[in-house]
Amino acid sequence: MRREGDRHYALPYPHLRGSFLFSRYHSFSCPSPCSPLYGNRSSLTPKRYVKLESRGIECGQSKNDELPMSTLKLSGWVEINGQRLLPQEIESILNNRPEEILRFGGEFFFAGSGCRARDHFGIMPGNCPKGTLICDGVVKGAINPPVPDLPLEEAIITAVRLRGDEGVTALSGGVDSTLVARLAGRECVAVGLKDSHDLRQARHAADVLGLSLTCVTITPKEIETALPLVIRAIPVKDPLNAGIALTQYFIARWAGQHGCQRIITGQGADELFGGYSRYLETPTLADDLERDFAGLGQQADRDQAVAALHGTYLSMPYMDVRVVRAARKIPAQDKVQGGRRKIPLRKVAERHIPAEFAWYEKKAMQYGSGVWKVLQNLARKNGYKTSIQDYIDHIIRVEHGH
C-alpha cells in the first residue's frame, strides 16, 4: 500500500491472461475498478466490444464484423445461481429463452428485442416495475431468482463477491460499510467535512484493516451549491432525505470523476437488522422493521437518482435476495435486545473485522459526515431559523421561478 497525503491507494494491477478487447479508463486512485474484465473466454470470437456508458452497457459486434449491432441496453449486472452473465449471454437468453429472465438475480434494468426487465427489489432504476419482465407491452411474469437458503454469513459473503469485481466501496467506519469493505477488498472512499466523525472513523478502519482509502473533504460552500441539484433529483424533498442524499452526492461525484460507475454500499442493513436507535424503545419492533423494510425501495430511488447525476449507481449487497431471505428469518427480538442493535450482523462481522468495528455504534451518515449541521446553518443564514423544511421549500420555489 502507498499513501500520498490523505489518499491511500493499492498496487499492483491484477494480472491478465488471454486476449482482450476493451477500452482503458484512466483512474488515479481506482486501479481499473470500473471496467468489468469478463475473463479469457474463447467465446469472445468474433471480436466483441463492451461500451460502458454513463448509465449502462451497450454490447455488440465490432464494426469490422458482419453481424449487426446488438440492441441490448443494460444498466447494472445480472447473475443466475451465483454466476455473473456476460452482456452477450443476456442477449442470447433474451432472444432465445426469454422465460429464463424470470430467474435472473443481480441489480439490473435492461431493454431489447421488445422486452424490458428490472431486478427483484428494483435496486436499479428503469422504465419497468420492479421484479417484472414485460415483452411487447405484456407482463410475462415476476422475476424471482431461485437462490438457495443460506446462513447469514454465507449469504453476505456471496452477495459481496458478486459485486466486488469492480467499483469503489463507500466507507464510513460503521459495521455495515466496514464489513462490506473488508469482504470486497476494493478501493474505498469516505466523505465528510474537515475533522468530521465519519472521516476519522473511516481512516481508522482503513488503517487497521489495510484498506486503500481516499478521504474527500467537503466544504459548506460545496454543500450549498449541491443542495438545489440534490433537491431537484430526489423524489421526497424533506430534510432527512436531503441530508442523506447530499452525502451520497459527494461520494458519487468522486466516483464519477475517477471513472468508477459502481459504488458498493451498506444500504439496507439498518432496516434488515434493526439498526435505528428508535428500535430500542419501540413496543412494536417487528411491525416497525416490516414497515421500514417496505420503504427501502423509496430509499433506493433517492440514492440512485443522486448517483445518476454523476453517471454512477449504488450497489447494495445487503439487499441481495440471499441476504434479505436470511435476515428476515431471524426473529425481531434477536436483532435488538439488551441495548444493542443489529446483533446478528455484528456477530457475523466480528468473524471478519475487529470487534471494535463490529460492535461500534456509529452516527447516521448525515450526522457523521457533518452535512446535517451545515444544513441547519444554511437554513438559519437564509432566514429559516427553526425549519430546514421551510428552507427546502424556498429552494423549490426559487427553482420554479417564484
Protein backbone atom coordinates (compact mmCIF):
# COMPACT_ATOMS: atom_id res chain seq x y z
CA MET A 1 0.00 0.00 0.00
CA ARG A 2 1.19 3.53 -0.75
CA ARG A 3 -0.03 6.81 0.68
CA GLU A 4 0.05 10.38 -0.58
CA GLY A 5 -1.28 12.87 1.94
CA ASP A 6 -4.82 11.77 2.71
CA ARG A 7 -5.09 9.43 -0.26
CA HIS A 8 -4.26 5.75 0.16
CA TYR A 9 -4.03 3.52 -2.88
CA ALA A 10 -3.05 -0.04 -3.57
CA LEU A 11 -0.86 -1.54 -6.26
CA PRO A 12 -0.35 -3.52 -8.41
CA TYR A 13 -2.91 -4.03 -11.13
CA PRO A 14 -4.29 -7.55 -11.37
CA HIS A 15 -2.56 -9.86 -13.83
CA LEU A 16 -4.46 -10.54 -17.05
CA ARG A 17 -4.29 -13.68 -19.22
CA GLY A 18 -5.63 -14.27 -22.69
CA SER A 19 -6.82 -11.89 -25.40
CA PHE A 20 -8.97 -8.89 -24.58
CA LEU A 21 -10.57 -6.03 -26.47
CA PHE A 22 -11.60 -3.23 -24.15
CA SER A 23 -11.30 0.49 -23.57
CA ARG A 24 -8.95 1.66 -20.84
CA TYR A 25 -10.30 4.04 -18.22
CA HIS A 26 -7.76 6.37 -16.63
CA SER A 27 -8.20 6.47 -12.86
CA PHE A 28 -5.53 7.50 -10.38
CA SER A 29 -6.93 6.13 -7.16
CA CYS A 30 -9.13 3.34 -8.51
CA PRO A 31 -6.77 0.97 -10.32
CA SER A 32 -9.05 -0.45 -13.00
CA PRO A 33 -12.06 -0.62 -10.68
CA CYS A 34 -14.75 0.26 -13.15
CA SER A 35 -14.20 -1.67 -16.36
CA PRO A 36 -15.51 -5.19 -15.85
CA LEU A 37 -12.98 -7.59 -17.34
CA TYR A 38 -15.03 -10.62 -18.18
CA GLY A 39 -12.15 -13.09 -18.49
CA ASN A 40 -10.37 -15.05 -21.15
CA ARG A 41 -13.32 -16.71 -22.87
CA SER A 42 -12.78 -18.13 -26.31
CA SER A 43 -16.46 -17.34 -26.99
CA LEU A 44 -15.42 -13.71 -27.49
CA THR A 45 -14.60 -14.54 -31.11
CA PRO A 46 -15.60 -12.88 -33.42
CA LYS A 47 -14.46 -9.76 -31.61
CA ARG A 48 -16.99 -8.19 -29.29
CA TYR A 49 -16.82 -4.92 -27.50
CA VAL A 50 -18.47 -3.72 -24.35
CA LYS A 51 -19.09 0.02 -24.28
CA LEU A 52 -19.58 1.40 -20.77
CA GLU A 53 -21.99 4.32 -20.94
CA SER A 54 -22.83 6.73 -18.13
CA ARG A 55 -25.83 4.68 -17.09
CA GLY A 56 -25.40 1.31 -18.72
CA ILE A 57 -23.71 -1.03 -21.14
CA GLU A 58 -24.26 -1.39 -24.84
CA CYS A 59 -22.81 -4.56 -26.33
CA GLY A 60 -22.44 -5.62 -29.90
CA GLN A 61 -20.16 -6.80 -32.67
CA SER A 62 -17.08 -4.80 -33.55
CA LYS A 63 -17.50 -2.64 -36.59
CA ASN A 64 -15.27 -4.89 -38.66
CA ASP A 65 -17.65 -7.84 -38.27
CA GLU A 66 -20.64 -8.51 -40.48
CA LEU A 67 -23.18 -9.29 -37.77
CA PRO A 68 -25.47 -6.40 -36.77
CA MET A 69 -25.10 -4.23 -33.68
CA SER A 70 -26.74 -5.58 -30.53
CA THR A 71 -29.83 -3.76 -29.32
CA LEU A 72 -29.40 -4.68 -25.65
CA LYS A 73 -29.31 -1.73 -23.27
CA LEU A 74 -28.17 -2.82 -19.83
CA SER A 75 -27.76 -0.93 -16.58
CA GLY A 76 -26.17 -2.87 -13.73
CA TRP A 77 -25.35 -6.57 -13.77
CA VAL A 78 -27.08 -9.96 -13.93
CA GLU A 79 -26.43 -13.38 -12.38
CA ILE A 80 -28.03 -16.81 -12.33
CA ASN A 81 -27.27 -19.20 -9.47
CA GLY A 82 -24.33 -17.11 -8.35
CA GLN A 83 -22.71 -16.88 -11.79
CA ARG A 84 -22.38 -13.50 -13.46
CA LEU A 85 -23.63 -13.25 -17.04
CA LEU A 86 -21.88 -11.52 -19.91
CA PRO A 87 -23.95 -8.97 -21.84
CA GLN A 88 -23.96 -11.27 -24.88
CA GLU A 89 -25.21 -14.15 -22.72
CA ILE A 90 -28.07 -11.95 -21.52
CA GLU A 91 -28.86 -11.06 -25.10
CA SER A 92 -28.86 -14.71 -26.15
CA ILE A 93 -31.32 -15.58 -23.37
CA LEU A 94 -33.45 -12.58 -24.27
CA ASN A 95 -33.69 -13.68 -27.91
CA ASN A 96 -33.98 -17.45 -27.44
CA ARG A 97 -35.18 -18.27 -23.91
CA PRO A 98 -36.86 -15.15 -22.52
CA GLU A 99 -38.66 -17.15 -19.84
CA GLU A 100 -35.26 -17.71 -18.21
CA ILE A 101 -35.14 -13.99 -17.40
CA LEU A 102 -37.60 -14.69 -14.60
CA ARG A 103 -34.71 -16.47 -12.81
CA PHE A 104 -32.29 -13.54 -13.09
CA GLY A 105 -30.65 -12.20 -9.97
CA GLY A 106 -28.49 -9.12 -9.64
CA GLU A 107 -29.11 -5.40 -9.86
CA PHE A 108 -30.30 -4.53 -13.33
CA PHE A 109 -32.58 -2.86 -15.78
CA PHE A 110 -32.34 -3.87 -19.41
CA ALA A 111 -34.29 -3.44 -22.59
CA GLY A 112 -34.02 -5.04 -26.01
CA SER A 113 -35.88 -7.15 -28.58
CA GLY A 114 -39.19 -5.69 -27.45
CA CYS A 115 -38.66 -6.66 -23.79
CA ARG A 116 -37.63 -4.87 -20.65
CA ALA A 117 -36.92 -6.20 -17.18
CA ARG A 118 -35.89 -4.95 -13.74
CA ASP A 119 -34.36 -6.73 -10.77
CA HIS A 120 -36.44 -8.29 -7.99
CA PHE A 121 -36.19 -5.41 -5.49
CA GLY A 122 -35.92 -2.63 -8.07
CA ILE A 123 -32.44 -1.56 -6.98
CA MET A 124 -31.66 -0.26 -10.46
CA PRO A 125 -33.95 2.43 -11.84
CA GLY A 126 -35.69 1.85 -15.14
CA ASN A 127 -38.88 2.09 -17.13
CA CYS A 128 -40.33 -1.09 -15.67
CA PRO A 129 -41.96 -2.11 -12.38
CA LYS A 130 -39.53 -3.80 -10.00
CA GLY A 131 -39.22 -7.55 -10.38
CA THR A 132 -41.09 -7.64 -13.68
CA LEU A 133 -40.50 -8.86 -17.24
CA ILE A 134 -42.50 -7.09 -19.94
CA CYS A 135 -42.37 -8.11 -23.61
CA ASP A 136 -44.29 -6.35 -26.38
CA GLY A 137 -46.23 -4.45 -23.73
CA VAL A 138 -47.42 -7.61 -21.96
CA VAL A 139 -46.32 -8.61 -18.47
CA LYS A 140 -44.70 -12.03 -18.81
CA GLY A 141 -44.11 -12.73 -15.14
CA ALA A 142 -42.39 -11.83 -11.89
CA ILE A 143 -38.62 -12.03 -11.55
CA ASN A 144 -37.84 -14.29 -8.58
CA PRO A 145 -34.28 -15.64 -8.61
CA PRO A 146 -34.30 -19.22 -7.24
CA VAL A 147 -31.44 -18.76 -4.79
CA PRO A 148 -30.81 -21.37 -2.08
CA ASP A 149 -31.40 -20.69 1.60
CA LEU A 150 -28.03 -19.78 3.08
CA PRO A 151 -26.77 -18.97 6.57
CA LEU A 152 -26.50 -15.21 7.01
CA GLU A 153 -22.70 -15.15 6.86
CA GLU A 154 -22.53 -17.15 3.64
CA ALA A 155 -25.28 -15.03 2.12
CA ILE A 156 -23.38 -11.80 2.83
CA ILE A 157 -20.07 -13.20 1.54
CA THR A 158 -21.78 -14.34 -1.67
CA ALA A 159 -23.54 -11.01 -2.14
CA VAL A 160 -20.30 -9.04 -1.80
CA ARG A 161 -18.39 -11.46 -4.05
CA LEU A 162 -20.90 -10.94 -6.84
CA ARG A 163 -20.50 -7.17 -6.60
CA GLY A 164 -16.82 -6.93 -5.80
CA ASP A 165 -15.35 -7.33 -9.28
CA GLU A 166 -15.40 -3.59 -9.94
CA GLY A 167 -16.14 -0.21 -8.44
CA VAL A 168 -15.39 1.53 -5.18
CA THR A 169 -16.73 0.93 -1.65
CA ALA A 170 -18.26 3.76 0.38
CA LEU A 171 -16.70 3.52 3.84
CA SER A 172 -17.78 5.35 7.00
CA GLY A 173 -16.26 3.06 9.63
CA GLY A 174 -19.50 1.56 10.96
CA VAL A 175 -20.19 -2.16 10.94
CA ASP A 176 -22.28 -2.11 7.72
CA SER A 177 -19.72 -0.49 5.45
CA THR A 178 -16.61 -1.85 7.17
CA LEU A 179 -17.71 -5.47 6.76
CA VAL A 180 -18.54 -4.88 3.09
CA ALA A 181 -15.25 -3.05 2.53
CA ARG A 182 -13.25 -5.86 4.10
CA LEU A 183 -15.00 -8.57 2.08
CA ALA A 184 -14.85 -6.62 -1.20
CA GLY A 185 -11.21 -5.60 -0.78
CA ARG A 186 -11.62 -2.70 -3.17
CA GLU A 187 -10.62 0.95 -3.13
CA CYS A 188 -12.69 2.83 -0.54
CA VAL A 189 -13.92 6.41 -0.37
CA ALA A 190 -15.11 8.38 2.66
CA VAL A 191 -16.82 11.77 2.58
CA GLY A 192 -17.26 14.43 5.23
CA LEU A 193 -16.41 17.90 6.42
CA LYS A 194 -12.96 18.54 7.83
CA ASP A 195 -12.42 16.63 11.09
CA SER A 196 -15.87 15.03 10.84
CA HIS A 197 -16.64 11.81 12.70
CA ASP A 198 -17.00 9.73 9.54
CA LEU A 199 -13.64 10.78 8.09
CA ARG A 200 -11.85 9.98 11.35
CA GLN A 201 -13.57 6.62 11.75
CA ALA A 202 -13.07 5.63 8.11
CA ARG A 203 -9.35 6.45 8.31
CA HIS A 204 -9.04 4.35 11.44
CA ALA A 205 -10.86 1.40 9.86
CA ALA A 206 -8.75 1.60 6.69
CA ASP A 207 -5.52 1.74 8.69
CA VAL A 208 -6.41 -1.23 10.88
CA LEU A 209 -7.71 -3.37 8.01
CA GLY A 210 -5.11 -2.37 5.43
CA LEU A 211 -7.69 -0.96 3.02
CA SER A 212 -6.98 1.58 0.31
CA LEU A 213 -8.89 4.76 1.14
CA THR A 214 -9.45 8.22 -0.29
CA CYS A 215 -10.90 10.77 2.13
CA VAL A 216 -12.89 13.51 0.39
CA THR A 217 -13.18 16.65 2.48
CA ILE A 218 -16.20 18.74 1.52
CA THR A 219 -16.97 22.34 2.46
CA PRO A 220 -20.13 24.21 3.47
CA LYS A 221 -19.95 26.13 0.19
CA GLU A 222 -19.94 22.89 -1.81
CA ILE A 223 -22.95 21.67 0.15
CA GLU A 224 -24.80 24.93 -0.51
CA THR A 225 -24.06 24.63 -4.23
CA ALA A 226 -25.09 20.97 -4.41
CA LEU A 227 -28.30 21.28 -2.39
CA PRO A 228 -30.55 22.59 -5.21
CA LEU A 229 -29.29 19.85 -7.54
CA VAL A 230 -30.00 17.19 -4.92
CA ILE A 231 -33.45 18.53 -4.09
CA ARG A 232 -34.34 18.60 -7.77
CA ALA A 233 -33.26 14.96 -8.17
CA ILE A 234 -34.74 13.21 -5.13
CA PRO A 235 -38.38 12.05 -5.08
CA VAL A 236 -39.16 13.01 -1.46
CA LYS A 237 -37.97 16.53 -0.72
CA ASP A 238 -37.64 16.72 3.05
CA PRO A 239 -34.72 17.38 5.43
CA LEU A 240 -33.96 13.73 6.22
CA ASN A 241 -33.83 12.65 2.59
CA ALA A 242 -31.91 15.78 1.57
CA GLY A 243 -29.28 15.20 4.28
CA ILE A 244 -28.71 11.58 3.30
CA ALA A 245 -28.76 12.37 -0.41
CA LEU A 246 -26.21 15.16 -0.03
CA THR A 247 -23.70 12.76 1.48
CA GLN A 248 -24.36 10.27 -1.31
CA TYR A 249 -23.99 13.07 -3.84
CA PHE A 250 -20.37 13.74 -2.89
CA ILE A 251 -19.50 10.04 -2.83
CA ALA A 252 -20.97 9.68 -6.32
CA ARG A 253 -19.21 12.84 -7.50
CA TRP A 254 -15.83 11.46 -6.51
CA ALA A 255 -16.61 8.07 -8.05
CA GLY A 256 -17.74 9.62 -11.32
CA GLN A 257 -14.67 11.85 -11.50
CA HIS A 258 -12.44 8.79 -11.12
CA GLY A 259 -14.19 6.58 -13.66
CA CYS A 260 -15.98 4.40 -11.12
CA GLN A 261 -19.50 3.51 -12.16
CA ARG A 262 -20.40 1.14 -9.31
CA ILE A 263 -20.41 2.26 -5.66
CA ILE A 264 -20.73 -0.62 -3.20
CA THR A 265 -22.58 0.50 -0.07
CA GLY A 266 -24.01 -0.75 3.21
CA GLN A 267 -27.53 0.49 2.49
CA GLY A 268 -30.38 -1.66 3.82
CA ALA A 269 -28.61 -3.07 6.88
CA ASP A 270 -30.42 -0.82 9.37
CA GLU A 271 -33.84 -1.88 8.14
CA LEU A 272 -32.98 -5.58 7.86
CA PHE A 273 -31.17 -6.00 11.17
CA GLY A 274 -32.63 -3.28 13.38
CA GLY A 275 -30.04 -0.52 13.31
CA TYR A 276 -32.01 2.60 14.23
CA SER A 277 -31.90 3.85 17.82
CA ARG A 278 -35.70 4.13 17.90
CA TYR A 279 -35.88 0.34 17.71
CA LEU A 280 -34.54 0.21 21.28
CA GLU A 281 -37.71 1.81 22.68
CA THR A 282 -40.50 0.67 20.38
CA PRO A 283 -43.10 -1.82 21.69
CA THR A 284 -43.84 -2.87 18.09
CA LEU A 285 -40.38 -3.83 16.87
CA ALA A 286 -41.48 -6.49 14.37
CA ASP A 287 -44.06 -4.16 12.79
CA ASP A 288 -41.56 -1.31 12.64
CA LEU A 289 -38.96 -3.47 10.92
CA GLU A 290 -41.54 -4.65 8.40
CA ARG A 291 -42.65 -1.10 7.64
CA ASP A 292 -39.09 0.18 7.26
CA PHE A 293 -38.12 -2.73 5.02
CA ALA A 294 -41.08 -1.87 2.78
CA GLY A 295 -39.67 1.66 2.45
CA LEU A 296 -36.28 0.55 1.12
CA GLY A 297 -37.47 0.85 -2.46
CA GLN A 298 -38.10 4.55 -1.96
CA GLN A 299 -34.65 4.93 -0.41
CA ALA A 300 -33.09 3.20 -3.42
CA ASP A 301 -34.93 5.59 -5.75
CA ARG A 302 -33.48 8.54 -3.82
CA ASP A 303 -29.92 7.22 -3.76
CA GLN A 304 -29.86 6.13 -7.39
CA ALA A 305 -31.30 9.46 -8.54
CA VAL A 306 -28.40 11.28 -6.89
CA ALA A 307 -25.81 8.75 -8.09
CA ALA A 308 -27.08 9.12 -11.65
CA LEU A 309 -26.16 12.83 -11.59
CA HIS A 310 -22.55 11.65 -11.83
CA GLY A 311 -23.02 8.64 -14.11
CA THR A 312 -22.77 6.14 -11.24
CA TYR A 313 -25.04 3.73 -9.39
CA LEU A 314 -25.18 2.25 -5.91
CA SER A 315 -24.75 -1.50 -5.47
CA MET A 316 -26.25 -2.91 -2.26
CA PRO A 317 -25.04 -6.31 -1.01
CA TYR A 318 -27.41 -6.27 1.97
CA MET A 319 -30.31 -6.04 -0.48
CA ASP A 320 -29.23 -9.23 -2.22
CA VAL A 321 -32.09 -11.75 -2.28
CA ARG A 322 -29.98 -14.24 -0.31
CA VAL A 323 -29.20 -11.76 2.46
CA VAL A 324 -32.76 -10.48 2.67
CA ARG A 325 -34.11 -14.01 2.94
CA ALA A 326 -31.64 -14.95 5.68
CA ALA A 327 -32.22 -11.72 7.62
CA ARG A 328 -36.00 -11.90 7.51
CA LYS A 329 -35.95 -15.38 9.01
CA ILE A 330 -34.34 -14.01 12.16
CA PRO A 331 -36.89 -13.07 14.85
CA ALA A 332 -37.11 -9.34 15.56
CA GLN A 333 -36.26 -9.81 19.25
CA ASP A 334 -32.95 -11.44 18.25
CA LYS A 335 -31.95 -8.36 16.27
CA VAL A 336 -32.44 -5.76 19.01
CA GLN A 337 -32.03 -6.58 22.70
CA GLY A 338 -30.13 -5.55 25.81
CA GLY A 339 -29.47 -2.06 24.47
CA ARG A 340 -27.76 -3.43 21.35
CA ARG A 341 -28.88 -3.21 17.74
CA LYS A 342 -28.09 -5.22 14.59
CA ILE A 343 -26.92 -8.12 16.75
CA PRO A 344 -26.95 -10.87 14.05
CA LEU A 345 -24.97 -8.70 11.63
CA ARG A 346 -22.44 -7.77 14.30
CA LYS A 347 -21.92 -11.42 15.22
CA VAL A 348 -21.13 -12.19 11.59
CA ALA A 349 -18.94 -9.13 11.27
CA GLU A 350 -16.71 -9.93 14.24
CA ARG A 351 -15.55 -13.05 12.41
CA HIS A 352 -14.16 -10.81 9.65
CA ILE A 353 -13.31 -7.45 11.24
CA PRO A 354 -12.07 -6.47 14.71
CA ALA A 355 -14.70 -6.24 17.46
CA GLU A 356 -14.10 -2.50 17.82
CA PHE A 357 -15.73 -2.05 14.39
CA ALA A 358 -18.21 -4.92 14.58
CA TRP A 359 -19.80 -3.51 17.75
CA TYR A 360 -19.23 0.17 17.08
CA GLU A 361 -22.36 2.36 17.35
CA LYS A 362 -21.98 4.91 14.56
CA LYS A 363 -23.96 8.04 13.83
CA ALA A 364 -26.19 8.19 10.74
CA MET A 365 -24.34 9.42 7.65
CA GLN A 366 -25.94 12.86 7.56
CA TYR A 367 -24.72 13.48 11.13
CA GLY A 368 -21.39 11.67 10.98
CA SER A 369 -20.38 13.49 7.79
CA GLY A 370 -21.23 16.90 9.25
CA VAL A 371 -23.77 17.61 6.50
CA TRP A 372 -26.74 18.00 8.85
CA LYS A 373 -25.13 20.80 10.83
CA VAL A 374 -24.34 22.66 7.61
CA LEU A 375 -27.98 22.30 6.52
CA GLN A 376 -29.10 23.82 9.79
CA ASN A 377 -26.66 26.71 9.37
CA LEU A 378 -27.75 27.32 5.77
CA ALA A 379 -31.39 27.44 6.80
CA ARG A 380 -30.64 29.99 9.54
CA LYS A 381 -28.45 32.06 7.22
CA ASN A 382 -31.33 32.30 4.74
CA GLY A 383 -33.84 33.37 7.35
CA TYR A 384 -35.30 29.98 8.32
CA LYS A 385 -34.08 29.67 11.87
CA THR A 386 -36.39 26.89 13.03
CA SER A 387 -37.18 24.84 9.92
CA ILE A 388 -34.92 23.18 7.39
CA GLN A 389 -38.10 22.11 5.57
CA ASP A 390 -39.07 25.77 5.03
CA TYR A 391 -35.60 26.38 3.58
CA ILE A 392 -36.00 23.41 1.23
CA ASP A 393 -39.43 24.70 0.17
CA HIS A 394 -37.81 28.08 -0.50
CA ILE A 395 -35.23 26.44 -2.77
CA ILE A 396 -38.01 24.64 -4.63
CA ARG A 397 -39.89 27.92 -5.14
CA VAL A 398 -36.73 29.59 -6.46
CA GLU A 399 -36.18 26.63 -8.81
CA HIS A 400 -39.68 27.20 -10.21
CA GLY A 401 -39.14 30.95 -10.61
CA HIS A 402 -41.33 32.05 -7.70
